[in-house]
Structure formats: C-alpha cells, structure tokens
Amino acid sequence: MSDYQHKPDSGSLFKNDRREKDTQPHYRGDCLVDGKEYWVSAWVNEGKNGKYFSLKFSEKQEAHDKGMAKARDAAEPDDFVDEDLPF
C-alpha cells in the first residue's frame, strides 16, 4: 500500500496477486476506523443467496508487534551448552 491517507471510517481493497493457497485472501487492503489503522483481508465465498465477501480486520500496530516478536525470537541464539568444549 502507499502513503495515501484514508479519510475517517474508510478504506481500500486490492486484488491479492500473491495468493498461493486457498486460505489466503482474494483481496487485501487497509482502512481507518475510529482513528486506528487496520489491515483488511477479504475472501470471496458462495452462499445460498449468491456470492459474498468474508472479511477479517487486524490492527496494524498489533500485526507489526507480532511480526517483530517472531523476528526477534528467530534472531536470538539458543542456549547452547557443550560440556566438551575446552573454553
């Protein structure tokens, strides 16, 4: 997404060109609701009344924090101890 700033209580969705699995969303985007930024994911589903969108919202800061925690955990070395090392 770009530097575009949404107006309050609005957002945008774009076709997900990187979709590789059925579990990944068909569309992705972001929105601004009550002053908070959210990621939006949308799946196209078929129901008894026709096609519809199923949506999921994730707070941007929360998603960022989870990603940073994963990266930090991956970068931290294990507590490796080998008693046979001479130093």
Protein backbone atom coordinates (compact mmCIF):
# COMPACT_ATOMS: atom_id res chain seq x y z
CA MET A 1 0.00 0.00 0.00
CA SER A 2 1.20 3.54 -0.44
CA ASP A 3 1.43 6.79 1.53
CA TYR A 4 -2.24 7.51 0.84
CA GLN A 5 -4.13 8.58 3.97
CA HIS A 6 -7.71 7.34 4.27
CA LYS A 7 -10.48 9.61 5.39
CA PRO A 8 -12.05 8.59 8.71
CA ASP A 9 -14.10 5.38 8.55
CA SER A 10 -13.00 4.47 5.03
CA GLY A 11 -10.63 2.01 3.38
CA SER A 12 -9.48 0.29 0.20
CA LEU A 13 -9.21 -3.28 -1.07
CA PHE A 14 -6.96 -4.54 -3.86
CA LYS A 15 -6.78 -7.91 -5.61
CA ASN A 16 -4.19 -10.16 -3.93
CA ASP A 17 -1.78 -11.01 -6.76
CA ARG A 18 0.43 -13.02 -4.38
CA ARG A 19 -2.26 -15.55 -3.45
CA GLU A 20 -0.79 -19.10 -3.44
CA LYS A 21 -3.14 -21.04 -1.13
CA ASP A 22 -6.92 -21.24 -0.76
CA THR A 23 -6.57 -20.00 2.82
CA GLN A 24 -5.04 -16.69 1.68
CA PRO A 25 -7.39 -13.76 0.99
CA HIS A 26 -8.58 -12.89 -2.52
CA TYR A 27 -8.33 -9.16 -1.66
CA ARG A 28 -6.21 -7.17 0.80
CA GLY A 29 -6.08 -3.56 1.88
CA ASP A 30 -6.34 -1.21 4.81
CA CYS A 31 -8.76 1.16 6.48
CA LEU A 32 -9.04 3.82 9.17
CA VAL A 33 -11.77 3.31 11.80
CA ASP A 34 -12.13 5.41 14.97
CA GLY A 35 -8.64 6.80 14.42
CA LYS A 36 -6.99 3.35 14.28
CA GLU A 37 -5.44 1.77 11.19
CA TYR A 38 -6.42 -1.80 10.28
CA TRP A 39 -5.38 -4.33 7.67
CA VAL A 40 -8.37 -5.76 5.78
CA SER A 41 -8.46 -9.22 4.22
CA ALA A 42 -11.39 -10.40 2.06
CA TRP A 43 -12.36 -13.81 0.70
CA VAL A 44 -14.99 -14.36 -1.99
CA ASN A 45 -17.39 -17.10 -0.89
CA GLU A 46 -20.51 -18.68 -2.34
CA GLY A 47 -23.63 -18.92 -0.19
CA LYS A 48 -27.26 -19.86 -0.70
CA ASN A 49 -28.04 -16.25 -1.71
CA GLY A 50 -25.06 -15.95 -4.08
CA LYS A 51 -21.50 -14.65 -3.76
CA TYR A 52 -20.40 -12.59 -0.77
CA PHE A 53 -17.23 -11.24 0.87
CA SER A 54 -15.97 -12.62 4.16
CA LEU A 55 -13.81 -10.00 5.92
CA LYS A 56 -11.11 -10.02 8.58
CA PHE A 57 -9.68 -6.91 10.27
CA SER A 58 -6.31 -6.82 12.06
CA GLU A 59 -4.97 -3.76 13.85
CA LYS A 60 -1.81 -2.62 12.05
CA GLN A 61 0.26 -1.99 15.19
CA GLU A 62 -0.72 -5.35 16.67
CA ALA A 63 0.30 -7.17 13.47
CA HIS A 64 3.58 -5.24 13.42
CA ASP A 65 4.31 -6.17 17.03
CA LYS A 66 3.67 -9.89 16.35
CA GLY A 67 5.98 -9.81 13.32
CA MET A 68 8.72 -8.10 15.30
CA ALA A 69 8.42 -10.67 18.09
CA LYS A 70 8.80 -13.52 15.58
CA ALA A 71 11.84 -11.87 14.02
CA ARG A 72 13.40 -11.26 17.44
CA ASP A 73 12.81 -14.86 18.53
CA ALA A 74 14.35 -16.17 15.30
CA ALA A 75 17.43 -13.96 15.77
CA GLU A 76 18.09 -14.94 19.39
CA PRO A 77 20.58 -17.82 19.73
CA ASP A 78 19.62 -20.98 21.55
CA ASP A 79 21.09 -21.57 24.99
CA PHE A 80 23.68 -23.96 23.58
CA VAL A 81 25.93 -25.54 26.13
CA ASP A 82 28.51 -28.18 25.25
CA GLU A 83 30.44 -29.52 28.20
CA ASP A 84 33.15 -30.96 25.91
CA LEU A 85 34.36 -27.56 24.68
CA PRO A 86 37.72 -26.60 26.19
CA PHE A 87 36.82 -22.94 26.73
